[in-house]
Each structure stands twice: as structure tokens, then as C-alpha cells.
Amino acid sequence: MSRAPCQKRWLSQAVRMPPTLDFASQPFGVGVCDNLKLIASGSMDVSRSQSETQRRTTLSQVLKRLRVREGYRTADMAREMGVALRTYQRFESGALGIDFNKIFRFARVVDADPWGIIFAAEFGSVGFAIHAADNHAASLLLTMLRRFDRRSGKDIAVLDPRSLVKIFSQSFEQIPLRAERLKADLEQWMFDEAFDGEDEDDD
């Protein structure tokens, strides 16, 4: 079967697809040329965009924010984690880098999401760690990915990158929609409570 130049370039990048796969029949009408454009455009960032210094800086900011949020002093954290004060200070400063063991111990003390901390340092977002701290969003994401891998992980090999981007995007787009719905429900509940309180005062 002859292939278009873009398909040859795609296959030359060591991405192996089933030999009988018809790219034109991919979900959402995705073709291999579209994948190349998607990757070449830079809209699909698969590189480590943060330098080691940036990762350590972000990690330090995250650790301090989460510690202060829970009202701990550095000496308190050192004691709770079972490490020397100097060791903890170096850890919080980012000098030790991404130390998985210490991050997980830290997260248990402050009741935060350890993977949220790690992801935040990786893509330079202090806010992500803070936002995921209470609901453990990053850990839940990894849990669901692990569950998918156990059940039907091989299916992921059939899809090309843009199809996967489409699927993942649709899932993440549900988050702000659900958040807005919950905010609206909370506002309605507060309004109803206030209105009911006025009725009681009138009685």
C-alpha cells in the first residue's frame, strides 16, 4: 500500500501503528497529516519545559505555601516527617530536588496531594498543587489511568495522537462545566437559606 509523504514521515518517527489501520477511518476524522501539524505547531508540548532550577523553585514555593496553609513551622514539619531541621530546610528550599519519598511524607503531614506537588513542579504551576491539595485530583487522575491500563490499556495503541488529544480534552472540559454547576447550586442553596431565615424572622 502506497503512503502519502506525511504518513511516511510519521512512521519514520518510530510510531508503530497496526499495518491494517486506515488513518482516514480514525475517530473524529483524524488523519496522520493532521497529527504532524498538531505536533509541529507546538500545541502538543511533550517536552520538559521547565529547567531543573525552575522545577526546584516551583517545588519550594509549593511546599512553603502548603506548610503555611496548615500553620506549621519548619521545625514542626521536620519533627512530623522525622528528619533533621536542616534536612527539612534544604528540602523546602528545593535543594534536594524532586525527592519522591520526602514529598509523599510531606503530603501526608499537610494532607495534600503528593502527585499534585510533583506535577506542579514539573510544569511550573504552584496553583495546580494548591487547587489539587484537598480533593487529591492528581492522585485520582493517576488512579483512573492505572485502572484503565489494567482493564483495556492495549486499546490506547490503536489511537493516533490527535484522537487522544480530542478524548482527553473533552474529559477536561467537563471540569469547569461541573464547577460552574456546583457554584450555581451553592449560590441557590445560600439564597434559599437566607430567604427561609427571613420568613422565620417574620413569624
N, C-alpha and C. Protein backbone atom coordinates (compact mmCIF):
# COMPACT_ATOMS: atom_id res chain seq x y z
N MET A 1 0.85 -1.19 0.00
CA MET A 1 0.00 0.00 0.00
C MET A 1 0.89 1.24 0.00
N SER A 2 0.68 2.14 -0.94
CA SER A 2 1.48 3.36 -1.01
C SER A 2 1.04 4.32 0.08
N ARG A 3 1.96 5.12 0.57
CA ARG A 3 1.64 6.05 1.64
C ARG A 3 1.96 7.48 1.21
N ALA A 4 1.18 8.40 1.72
CA ALA A 4 1.44 9.82 1.47
C ALA A 4 2.74 10.20 2.16
N PRO A 5 3.42 11.24 1.65
CA PRO A 5 4.69 11.66 2.27
C PRO A 5 4.56 11.91 3.77
N CYS A 6 3.44 12.52 4.18
CA CYS A 6 3.29 12.81 5.60
C CYS A 6 3.18 11.53 6.40
N GLN A 7 2.56 10.48 5.82
CA GLN A 7 2.45 9.21 6.53
C GLN A 7 3.81 8.57 6.66
N LYS A 8 4.65 8.69 5.62
CA LYS A 8 5.99 8.13 5.70
C LYS A 8 6.80 8.83 6.78
N ARG A 9 6.64 10.16 6.86
CA ARG A 9 7.36 10.89 7.89
C ARG A 9 6.90 10.46 9.27
N TRP A 10 5.59 10.25 9.40
CA TRP A 10 5.04 9.84 10.69
C TRP A 10 5.61 8.50 11.11
N LEU A 11 5.61 7.54 10.17
CA LEU A 11 6.09 6.21 10.50
C LEU A 11 7.59 6.21 10.74
N SER A 12 8.32 7.14 10.09
CA SER A 12 9.76 7.20 10.28
C SER A 12 10.13 7.68 11.67
N GLN A 13 9.15 8.24 12.39
CA GLN A 13 9.41 8.72 13.74
C GLN A 13 9.22 7.61 14.76
N ALA A 14 9.24 6.38 14.31
CA ALA A 14 9.18 5.19 15.18
C ALA A 14 7.86 5.05 15.91
N VAL A 15 6.80 5.63 15.35
CA VAL A 15 5.47 5.42 15.90
C VAL A 15 4.84 4.29 15.12
N ARG A 16 4.65 3.16 15.72
CA ARG A 16 4.18 1.98 15.02
C ARG A 16 2.67 1.82 15.20
N MET A 17 1.96 1.76 14.10
CA MET A 17 0.53 1.56 14.12
C MET A 17 0.22 0.21 13.49
N PRO A 18 -0.95 -0.38 13.79
CA PRO A 18 -1.31 -1.65 13.17
C PRO A 18 -1.25 -1.53 11.65
N PRO A 19 -0.66 -2.50 10.93
CA PRO A 19 -0.47 -2.38 9.48
C PRO A 19 -1.76 -2.26 8.70
N THR A 20 -2.87 -2.73 9.24
CA THR A 20 -4.14 -2.67 8.50
C THR A 20 -4.96 -1.43 8.83
N LEU A 21 -4.40 -0.54 9.67
CA LEU A 21 -5.16 0.61 10.11
C LEU A 21 -5.33 1.63 9.00
N ASP A 22 -6.55 2.03 8.77
CA ASP A 22 -6.86 3.07 7.78
C ASP A 22 -6.97 4.39 8.54
N PHE A 23 -6.00 5.28 8.33
CA PHE A 23 -5.97 6.52 9.09
C PHE A 23 -7.21 7.37 8.83
N ALA A 24 -7.76 7.30 7.64
CA ALA A 24 -8.92 8.11 7.31
C ALA A 24 -10.15 7.69 8.12
N SER A 25 -10.14 6.46 8.64
CA SER A 25 -11.29 5.98 9.38
C SER A 25 -11.14 6.19 10.88
N GLN A 26 -10.09 6.90 11.29
CA GLN A 26 -9.88 7.15 12.71
C GLN A 26 -11.02 7.97 13.29
N PRO A 27 -11.29 7.82 14.59
CA PRO A 27 -12.35 8.62 15.22
C PRO A 27 -12.12 10.10 15.00
N PHE A 28 -13.21 10.84 14.86
CA PHE A 28 -13.21 12.29 14.69
C PHE A 28 -12.60 12.70 13.35
N GLY A 29 -12.45 11.76 12.40
CA GLY A 29 -11.93 12.09 11.08
C GLY A 29 -10.49 12.52 11.10
N VAL A 30 -9.70 11.97 12.01
CA VAL A 30 -8.31 12.38 12.16
C VAL A 30 -7.42 11.62 11.21
N GLY A 31 -6.50 12.32 10.60
CA GLY A 31 -5.54 11.67 9.72
C GLY A 31 -4.13 11.91 10.20
N VAL A 32 -3.19 11.18 9.65
CA VAL A 32 -1.81 11.28 10.08
C VAL A 32 -1.22 12.65 9.78
N CYS A 33 -1.61 13.27 8.69
CA CYS A 33 -1.08 14.61 8.36
C CYS A 33 -1.49 15.61 9.43
N ASP A 34 -2.72 15.47 9.93
CA ASP A 34 -3.17 16.36 10.99
C ASP A 34 -2.32 16.20 12.23
N ASN A 35 -1.92 14.96 12.51
CA ASN A 35 -1.09 14.72 13.69
C ASN A 35 0.24 15.44 13.58
N LEU A 36 0.85 15.39 12.39
CA LEU A 36 2.12 16.06 12.20
C LEU A 36 1.98 17.55 12.38
N LYS A 37 0.89 18.12 11.86
CA LYS A 37 0.67 19.55 12.01
C LYS A 37 0.47 19.90 13.48
N LEU A 38 -0.25 19.03 14.20
CA LEU A 38 -0.52 19.28 15.60
C LEU A 38 0.77 19.32 16.40
N ILE A 39 1.65 18.36 16.14
CA ILE A 39 2.90 18.28 16.88
C ILE A 39 3.84 19.41 16.46
N ALA A 40 3.93 19.65 15.15
CA ALA A 40 4.85 20.67 14.64
C ALA A 40 4.44 22.06 15.08
N SER A 41 3.14 22.27 15.31
CA SER A 41 2.67 23.61 15.68
C SER A 41 3.08 24.00 17.09
N GLY A 42 3.52 23.01 17.87
CA GLY A 42 3.91 23.31 19.24
C GLY A 42 2.74 23.27 20.20
N SER A 43 1.51 22.97 19.68
CA SER A 43 0.36 22.92 20.57
C SER A 43 0.34 21.65 21.38
N MET A 44 1.19 20.71 21.03
CA MET A 44 1.28 19.47 21.79
C MET A 44 2.67 19.41 22.41
N ASP A 45 2.78 19.90 23.64
CA ASP A 45 4.08 20.03 24.30
C ASP A 45 4.38 18.76 25.08
N VAL A 46 5.28 17.95 24.54
CA VAL A 46 5.64 16.71 25.22
C VAL A 46 7.04 16.80 25.83
N SER A 47 7.63 17.99 25.79
CA SER A 47 8.98 18.16 26.32
C SER A 47 8.89 18.59 27.78
N ARG A 48 10.02 18.53 28.47
CA ARG A 48 10.10 19.04 29.83
C ARG A 48 10.43 20.52 29.72
N SER A 49 9.41 21.35 29.79
CA SER A 49 9.60 22.78 29.52
C SER A 49 10.29 23.51 30.66
N GLN A 50 10.30 22.93 31.86
CA GLN A 50 10.93 23.57 33.00
C GLN A 50 12.37 23.10 33.15
N SER A 51 13.24 24.02 33.44
CA SER A 51 14.62 23.64 33.74
C SER A 51 14.66 23.06 35.15
N GLU A 52 15.77 22.45 35.50
CA GLU A 52 15.89 21.89 36.84
C GLU A 52 15.78 22.98 37.90
N THR A 53 16.36 24.13 37.62
CA THR A 53 16.27 25.26 38.55
C THR A 53 14.83 25.72 38.72
N GLN A 54 14.09 25.79 37.62
CA GLN A 54 12.69 26.21 37.68
C GLN A 54 11.84 25.20 38.45
N ARG A 55 12.11 23.90 38.23
CA ARG A 55 11.36 22.88 38.95
C ARG A 55 11.59 23.01 40.46
N ARG A 56 12.83 23.22 40.83
CA ARG A 56 13.15 23.33 42.25
C ARG A 56 12.53 24.59 42.86
N THR A 57 12.52 25.67 42.09
CA THR A 57 11.92 26.91 42.57
C THR A 57 10.43 26.73 42.80
N THR A 58 9.76 26.12 41.82
CA THR A 58 8.32 25.88 41.95
C THR A 58 8.04 24.96 43.13
N LEU A 59 8.83 23.90 43.25
CA LEU A 59 8.64 22.97 44.36
C LEU A 59 8.77 23.69 45.70
N SER A 60 9.77 24.53 45.82
CA SER A 60 9.96 25.27 47.07
C SER A 60 8.76 26.15 47.39
N GLN A 61 8.23 26.83 46.39
CA GLN A 61 7.07 27.69 46.60
C GLN A 61 5.85 26.88 47.02
N VAL A 62 5.67 25.73 46.40
CA VAL A 62 4.53 24.86 46.72
C VAL A 62 4.63 24.36 48.16
N LEU A 63 5.81 23.84 48.53
CA LEU A 63 5.99 23.29 49.87
C LEU A 63 5.75 24.34 50.94
N LYS A 64 6.26 25.54 50.72
CA LYS A 64 6.07 26.60 51.71
C LYS A 64 4.61 27.00 51.82
N ARG A 65 3.92 27.14 50.67
CA ARG A 65 2.51 27.51 50.67
C ARG A 65 1.68 26.49 51.43
N LEU A 66 1.93 25.22 51.17
CA LEU A 66 1.14 24.17 51.82
C LEU A 66 1.45 24.08 53.31
N ARG A 67 2.71 24.28 53.67
CA ARG A 67 3.08 24.25 55.09
C ARG A 67 2.41 25.40 55.85
N VAL A 68 2.53 26.60 55.30
CA VAL A 68 1.95 27.78 55.95
C VAL A 68 0.44 27.66 56.03
N ARG A 69 -0.15 27.10 54.99
CA ARG A 69 -1.61 26.94 54.97
C ARG A 69 -2.10 26.11 56.16
N GLU A 70 -1.30 25.13 56.58
CA GLU A 70 -1.68 24.27 57.69
C GLU A 70 -1.17 24.78 59.04
N GLY A 71 -0.45 25.92 59.02
CA GLY A 71 0.00 26.52 60.26
C GLY A 71 1.22 25.87 60.89
N TYR A 72 2.01 25.16 60.08
CA TYR A 72 3.22 24.52 60.60
C TYR A 72 4.44 25.43 60.46
N ARG A 73 5.33 25.34 61.43
CA ARG A 73 6.65 25.95 61.30
C ARG A 73 7.59 24.91 60.68
N THR A 74 8.74 25.36 60.22
CA THR A 74 9.67 24.40 59.63
C THR A 74 10.10 23.35 60.64
N ALA A 75 10.27 23.75 61.90
CA ALA A 75 10.65 22.80 62.95
C ALA A 75 9.55 21.77 63.16
N ASP A 76 8.29 22.21 63.05
CA ASP A 76 7.16 21.28 63.19
C ASP A 76 7.19 20.24 62.08
N MET A 77 7.43 20.69 60.86
CA MET A 77 7.44 19.78 59.73
C MET A 77 8.58 18.79 59.83
N ALA A 78 9.74 19.27 60.27
CA ALA A 78 10.89 18.38 60.42
C ALA A 78 10.56 17.27 61.42
N ARG A 79 9.94 17.66 62.52
CA ARG A 79 9.58 16.67 63.54
C ARG A 79 8.53 15.69 63.01
N GLU A 80 7.50 16.18 62.35
CA GLU A 80 6.44 15.32 61.83
C GLU A 80 6.95 14.36 60.75
N MET A 81 7.91 14.81 59.96
CA MET A 81 8.45 13.97 58.90
C MET A 81 9.59 13.09 59.38
N GLY A 82 10.06 13.34 60.61
CA GLY A 82 11.13 12.52 61.15
C GLY A 82 12.48 12.77 60.53
N VAL A 83 12.75 14.04 60.20
CA VAL A 83 14.05 14.39 59.62
C VAL A 83 14.65 15.53 60.42
N ALA A 84 15.94 15.73 60.24
CA ALA A 84 16.61 16.85 60.91
C ALA A 84 16.09 18.17 60.36
N LEU A 85 16.12 19.20 61.19
CA LEU A 85 15.63 20.51 60.77
C LEU A 85 16.37 21.00 59.53
N ARG A 86 17.68 20.84 59.52
CA ARG A 86 18.47 21.29 58.37
C ARG A 86 18.08 20.53 57.11
N THR A 87 17.80 19.24 57.26
CA THR A 87 17.38 18.44 56.10
C THR A 87 16.06 18.95 55.56
N TYR A 88 15.13 19.25 56.48
CA TYR A 88 13.84 19.76 56.02
C TYR A 88 14.00 21.11 55.34
N GLN A 89 14.81 21.97 55.91
CA GLN A 89 15.01 23.30 55.32
C GLN A 89 15.56 23.19 53.91
N ARG A 90 16.49 22.25 53.69
CA ARG A 90 17.04 22.04 52.35
C ARG A 90 15.97 21.47 51.42
N PHE A 91 15.14 20.60 51.97
CA PHE A 91 14.04 20.03 51.18
C PHE A 91 13.06 21.12 50.74
N GLU A 92 12.65 21.97 51.68
CA GLU A 92 11.68 23.02 51.34
C GLU A 92 12.28 24.07 50.42
N SER A 93 13.58 24.26 50.49
CA SER A 93 14.22 25.24 49.60
C SER A 93 14.33 24.72 48.17
N GLY A 94 14.06 23.43 47.98
CA GLY A 94 14.18 22.84 46.66
C GLY A 94 15.55 22.27 46.38
N ALA A 95 16.46 22.39 47.35
CA ALA A 95 17.84 21.95 47.12
C ALA A 95 17.95 20.44 46.88
N LEU A 96 16.99 19.67 47.41
CA LEU A 96 17.04 18.21 47.24
C LEU A 96 16.33 17.75 45.97
N GLY A 97 15.72 18.69 45.25
CA GLY A 97 15.04 18.32 44.01
C GLY A 97 13.76 17.53 44.28
N ILE A 98 13.31 16.78 43.26
CA ILE A 98 12.07 16.00 43.38
C ILE A 98 12.39 14.70 44.12
N ASP A 99 12.29 14.75 45.42
CA ASP A 99 12.53 13.58 46.27
C ASP A 99 11.17 12.96 46.57
N PHE A 100 10.84 11.89 45.85
CA PHE A 100 9.50 11.30 45.96
C PHE A 100 9.17 10.89 47.39
N ASN A 101 10.10 10.25 48.05
CA ASN A 101 9.84 9.78 49.41
C ASN A 101 9.49 10.94 50.34
N LYS A 102 10.27 12.00 50.28
CA LYS A 102 10.02 13.14 51.17
C LYS A 102 8.74 13.88 50.78
N ILE A 103 8.47 13.97 49.48
CA ILE A 103 7.24 14.64 49.04
C ILE A 103 6.01 13.89 49.55
N PHE A 104 6.03 12.57 49.48
CA PHE A 104 4.89 11.79 49.96
C PHE A 104 4.75 11.91 51.47
N ARG A 105 5.86 11.94 52.19
CA ARG A 105 5.79 12.11 53.65
C ARG A 105 5.27 13.51 54.00
N PHE A 106 5.75 14.50 53.27
CA PHE A 106 5.28 15.88 53.46
C PHE A 106 3.77 15.97 53.22
N ALA A 107 3.32 15.37 52.13
CA ALA A 107 1.90 15.43 51.76
C ALA A 107 1.02 14.79 52.82
N ARG A 108 1.49 13.70 53.43
CA ARG A 108 0.70 13.07 54.49
C ARG A 108 0.54 13.99 55.69
N VAL A 109 1.59 14.73 56.01
CA VAL A 109 1.53 15.63 57.16
C VAL A 109 0.56 16.77 56.93
N VAL A 110 0.61 17.39 55.75
CA VAL A 110 -0.23 18.57 55.48
C VAL A 110 -1.53 18.19 54.78
N ASP A 111 -1.77 16.89 54.61
CA ASP A 111 -2.98 16.40 53.95
C ASP A 111 -3.15 17.02 52.56
N ALA A 112 -2.12 16.90 51.74
CA ALA A 112 -2.15 17.42 50.38
C ALA A 112 -1.97 16.27 49.40
N ASP A 113 -2.01 16.58 48.13
CA ASP A 113 -1.88 15.58 47.07
C ASP A 113 -0.41 15.50 46.65
N PRO A 114 0.27 14.39 46.93
CA PRO A 114 1.69 14.30 46.56
C PRO A 114 1.94 14.42 45.07
N TRP A 115 1.07 13.79 44.27
CA TRP A 115 1.25 13.87 42.82
C TRP A 115 0.92 15.27 42.31
N GLY A 116 0.03 15.97 43.00
CA GLY A 116 -0.24 17.37 42.65
C GLY A 116 1.01 18.22 42.84
N ILE A 117 1.78 17.93 43.89
CA ILE A 117 3.03 18.65 44.14
C ILE A 117 4.04 18.34 43.04
N ILE A 118 4.16 17.06 42.69
CA ILE A 118 5.13 16.64 41.68
C ILE A 118 4.77 17.21 40.31
N PHE A 119 3.50 17.11 39.93
CA PHE A 119 3.08 17.67 38.64
C PHE A 119 3.29 19.17 38.59
N ALA A 120 2.97 19.85 39.70
CA ALA A 120 3.12 21.30 39.74
C ALA A 120 4.56 21.71 39.49
N ALA A 121 5.49 20.99 40.11
CA ALA A 121 6.91 21.30 39.90
C ALA A 121 7.31 21.02 38.47
N GLU A 122 6.74 19.99 37.88
CA GLU A 122 7.11 19.60 36.52
C GLU A 122 6.66 20.63 35.49
N PHE A 123 5.43 21.14 35.60
CA PHE A 123 5.01 22.12 34.60
C PHE A 123 4.88 23.54 35.13
N GLY A 124 5.50 23.81 36.27
CA GLY A 124 5.65 25.18 36.74
C GLY A 124 4.38 25.88 37.16
N SER A 125 3.52 25.18 37.90
CA SER A 125 2.27 25.79 38.33
C SER A 125 2.05 25.56 39.82
N VAL A 126 2.38 26.57 40.61
CA VAL A 126 2.14 26.48 42.05
C VAL A 126 0.66 26.28 42.31
N GLY A 127 -0.16 26.97 41.54
CA GLY A 127 -1.60 26.90 41.72
C GLY A 127 -2.16 25.49 41.59
N PHE A 128 -1.58 24.70 40.69
CA PHE A 128 -2.10 23.35 40.49
C PHE A 128 -2.00 22.54 41.78
N ALA A 129 -0.87 22.63 42.45
CA ALA A 129 -0.69 21.88 43.70
C ALA A 129 -1.67 22.34 44.76
N ILE A 130 -1.91 23.65 44.82
CA ILE A 130 -2.84 24.19 45.82
C ILE A 130 -4.26 23.76 45.50
N HIS A 131 -4.64 23.84 44.23
CA HIS A 131 -6.00 23.51 43.83
C HIS A 131 -6.30 22.02 43.98
N ALA A 132 -5.27 21.19 43.82
CA ALA A 132 -5.47 19.74 43.92
C ALA A 132 -5.24 19.21 45.33
N ALA A 133 -4.88 20.08 46.26
CA ALA A 133 -4.48 19.62 47.59
C ALA A 133 -5.62 18.93 48.33
N ASP A 134 -6.81 19.51 48.31
CA ASP A 134 -7.90 18.98 49.12
C ASP A 134 -8.61 17.79 48.49
N ASN A 135 -8.80 17.84 47.16
CA ASN A 135 -9.52 16.73 46.53
C ASN A 135 -8.61 15.68 45.91
N HIS A 136 -7.28 15.89 46.03
CA HIS A 136 -6.29 14.91 45.52
C HIS A 136 -6.54 14.59 44.05
N ALA A 137 -6.77 15.65 43.26
CA ALA A 137 -7.12 15.48 41.86
C ALA A 137 -6.06 14.74 41.05
N ALA A 138 -4.78 15.07 41.28
CA ALA A 138 -3.72 14.44 40.50
C ALA A 138 -3.60 12.96 40.84
N SER A 139 -3.73 12.62 42.11
CA SER A 139 -3.67 11.21 42.51
C SER A 139 -4.86 10.44 41.95
N LEU A 140 -6.02 11.08 41.92
CA LEU A 140 -7.19 10.44 41.33
C LEU A 140 -7.00 10.20 39.83
N LEU A 141 -6.38 11.18 39.17
CA LEU A 141 -6.11 11.04 37.74
C LEU A 141 -5.22 9.83 37.49
N LEU A 142 -4.17 9.68 38.28
CA LEU A 142 -3.27 8.54 38.11
C LEU A 142 -3.97 7.23 38.48
N THR A 143 -4.84 7.27 39.47
CA THR A 143 -5.59 6.07 39.85
C THR A 143 -6.48 5.60 38.70
N MET A 144 -7.17 6.56 38.05
CA MET A 144 -8.03 6.21 36.94
C MET A 144 -7.22 5.72 35.75
N LEU A 145 -6.05 6.32 35.52
CA LEU A 145 -5.19 5.87 34.43
C LEU A 145 -4.70 4.44 34.69
N ARG A 146 -4.35 4.16 35.93
CA ARG A 146 -3.92 2.81 36.29
C ARG A 146 -5.06 1.81 36.09
N ARG A 147 -6.27 2.21 36.48
CA ARG A 147 -7.42 1.33 36.31
C ARG A 147 -7.69 1.05 34.83
N PHE A 148 -7.57 2.12 34.02
CA PHE A 148 -7.76 1.94 32.57
C PHE A 148 -6.71 0.99 32.01
N ASP A 149 -5.47 1.15 32.43
CA ASP A 149 -4.39 0.30 31.93
C ASP A 149 -4.65 -1.16 32.25
N ARG A 150 -5.18 -1.44 33.43
CA ARG A 150 -5.46 -2.82 33.81
C ARG A 150 -6.60 -3.41 33.00
N ARG A 151 -7.57 -2.57 32.67
CA ARG A 151 -8.77 -3.09 32.00
C ARG A 151 -8.62 -3.17 30.49
N SER A 152 -8.09 -2.11 29.91
CA SER A 152 -8.03 -2.09 28.43
C SER A 152 -6.89 -1.21 27.93
N GLY A 153 -5.75 -1.29 28.57
CA GLY A 153 -4.62 -0.44 28.21
C GLY A 153 -4.15 -0.61 26.79
N LYS A 154 -4.30 -1.80 26.23
CA LYS A 154 -3.83 -2.05 24.86
C LYS A 154 -4.60 -1.23 23.84
N ASP A 155 -5.81 -0.82 24.16
CA ASP A 155 -6.62 -0.06 23.20
C ASP A 155 -6.01 1.30 22.89
N ILE A 156 -5.20 1.82 23.79
CA ILE A 156 -4.63 3.15 23.58
C ILE A 156 -3.67 3.16 22.40
N ALA A 157 -3.09 2.00 22.08
CA ALA A 157 -2.13 1.92 20.97
C ALA A 157 -2.80 2.08 19.61
N VAL A 158 -4.11 1.85 19.55
CA VAL A 158 -4.83 1.92 18.28
C VAL A 158 -5.07 3.37 17.85
N LEU A 159 -5.16 4.27 18.82
CA LEU A 159 -5.49 5.66 18.52
C LEU A 159 -4.25 6.48 18.20
N ASP A 160 -4.42 7.44 17.29
CA ASP A 160 -3.30 8.32 16.97
C ASP A 160 -3.34 9.53 17.91
N PRO A 161 -2.27 10.32 17.98
CA PRO A 161 -2.18 11.39 18.98
C PRO A 161 -3.33 12.38 18.98
N ARG A 162 -3.78 12.81 17.80
CA ARG A 162 -4.82 13.83 17.82
C ARG A 162 -6.14 13.27 18.35
N SER A 163 -6.40 12.00 18.08
CA SER A 163 -7.60 11.38 18.64
C SER A 163 -7.52 11.37 20.16
N LEU A 164 -6.35 11.06 20.68
CA LEU A 164 -6.18 11.05 22.12
C LEU A 164 -6.34 12.44 22.71
N VAL A 165 -5.77 13.45 22.02
CA VAL A 165 -5.92 14.83 22.48
C VAL A 165 -7.39 15.22 22.54
N LYS A 166 -8.14 14.81 21.53
CA LYS A 166 -9.58 15.12 21.48
C LYS A 166 -10.30 14.47 22.66
N ILE A 167 -10.00 13.21 22.92
CA ILE A 167 -10.65 12.49 24.01
C ILE A 167 -10.30 13.12 25.36
N PHE A 168 -9.01 13.36 25.58
CA PHE A 168 -8.59 13.95 26.85
C PHE A 168 -9.17 15.35 27.03
N SER A 169 -9.18 16.13 25.95
CA SER A 169 -9.70 17.50 26.03
C SER A 169 -11.17 17.50 26.42
N GLN A 170 -11.93 16.59 25.81
CA GLN A 170 -13.36 16.51 26.14
C GLN A 170 -13.57 16.19 27.61
N SER A 171 -12.72 15.34 28.15
CA SER A 171 -12.84 14.99 29.57
C SER A 171 -12.52 16.19 30.45
N PHE A 172 -11.42 16.89 30.14
CA PHE A 172 -11.03 18.02 30.97
C PHE A 172 -11.99 19.20 30.84
N GLU A 173 -12.64 19.32 29.68
CA GLU A 173 -13.61 20.40 29.50
C GLU A 173 -14.81 20.24 30.43
N GLN A 174 -15.03 19.03 30.93
CA GLN A 174 -16.14 18.81 31.84
C GLN A 174 -15.88 19.42 33.22
N ILE A 175 -14.61 19.62 33.56
CA ILE A 175 -14.28 20.11 34.91
C ILE A 175 -14.83 21.52 35.16
N PRO A 176 -14.53 22.52 34.29
CA PRO A 176 -15.10 23.85 34.55
C PRO A 176 -16.62 23.86 34.46
N LEU A 177 -17.19 23.02 33.60
CA LEU A 177 -18.64 22.96 33.49
C LEU A 177 -19.25 22.45 34.79
N ARG A 178 -18.66 21.38 35.34
CA ARG A 178 -19.17 20.84 36.59
C ARG A 178 -18.95 21.83 37.74
N ALA A 179 -17.81 22.53 37.71
CA ALA A 179 -17.52 23.51 38.76
C ALA A 179 -18.54 24.64 38.75
N GLU A 180 -18.89 25.12 37.56
CA GLU A 180 -19.89 26.18 37.45
C GLU A 180 -21.24 25.71 37.95
N ARG A 181 -21.58 24.46 37.66
CA ARG A 181 -22.86 23.92 38.11
C ARG A 181 -22.91 23.84 39.64
N LEU A 182 -21.79 23.40 40.23
CA LEU A 182 -21.73 23.31 41.69
C LEU A 182 -21.80 24.69 42.34
N LYS A 183 -21.12 25.68 41.72
CA LYS A 183 -21.18 27.05 42.25
C LYS A 183 -22.61 27.57 42.20
N ALA A 184 -23.29 27.30 41.09
CA ALA A 184 -24.67 27.77 40.94
C ALA A 184 -25.57 27.10 41.98
N ASP A 185 -25.37 25.81 42.21
CA ASP A 185 -26.17 25.10 43.21
C ASP A 185 -25.92 25.66 44.60
N LEU A 186 -24.65 25.98 44.91
CA LEU A 186 -24.32 26.52 46.22
C LEU A 186 -24.94 27.90 46.40
N GLU A 187 -24.87 28.73 45.37
CA GLU A 187 -25.47 30.06 45.45
C GLU A 187 -26.98 29.96 45.66
N GLN A 188 -27.62 29.02 44.96
CA GLN A 188 -29.06 28.85 45.12
C GLN A 188 -29.39 28.39 46.53
N TRP A 189 -28.57 27.48 47.06
CA TRP A 189 -28.80 26.99 48.42
C TRP A 189 -28.66 28.13 49.43
N MET A 190 -27.63 28.98 49.25
CA MET A 190 -27.42 30.10 50.17
C MET A 190 -28.58 31.09 50.09
N PHE A 191 -29.07 31.30 48.87
CA PHE A 191 -30.21 32.20 48.69
C PHE A 191 -31.45 31.64 49.38
N ASP A 192 -31.68 30.33 49.19
CA ASP A 192 -32.84 29.70 49.80
C ASP A 192 -32.76 29.76 51.32
N GLU A 193 -31.55 29.53 51.86
CA GLU A 193 -31.37 29.57 53.31
C GLU A 193 -31.65 30.97 53.85
N ALA A 194 -31.14 31.98 53.12
CA ALA A 194 -31.35 33.36 53.55
C ALA A 194 -32.84 33.72 53.49
N PHE A 195 -33.50 33.26 52.44
CA PHE A 195 -34.93 33.56 52.26
C PHE A 195 -35.75 32.88 53.35
N ASP A 196 -35.40 31.62 53.66
CA ASP A 196 -36.11 30.90 54.72
C ASP A 196 -35.89 31.57 56.06
N GLY A 197 -34.69 32.11 56.29
CA GLY A 197 -34.39 32.79 57.55
C GLY A 197 -35.23 34.03 57.72
N GLU A 198 -35.48 34.76 56.62
CA GLU A 198 -36.32 35.96 56.68
C GLU A 198 -37.74 35.59 57.05
N ASP A 199 -38.23 34.48 56.50
CA ASP A 199 -39.60 34.03 56.84
C ASP A 199 -39.72 33.73 58.31
N GLU A 200 -38.70 33.09 58.90
CA GLU A 200 -38.73 32.75 60.31
C GLU A 200 -38.73 34.01 61.17
N ASP A 201 -37.96 35.03 60.73
CA ASP A 201 -37.94 36.28 61.50
C ASP A 201 -39.30 36.95 61.48
N ASP A 202 -40.00 36.87 60.34
CA ASP A 202 -41.33 37.48 60.22
C ASP A 202 -42.32 36.83 61.18
N ASP A 203 -42.14 35.51 61.43
CA ASP A 203 -43.06 34.83 62.33
C ASP A 203 -42.85 35.30 63.78
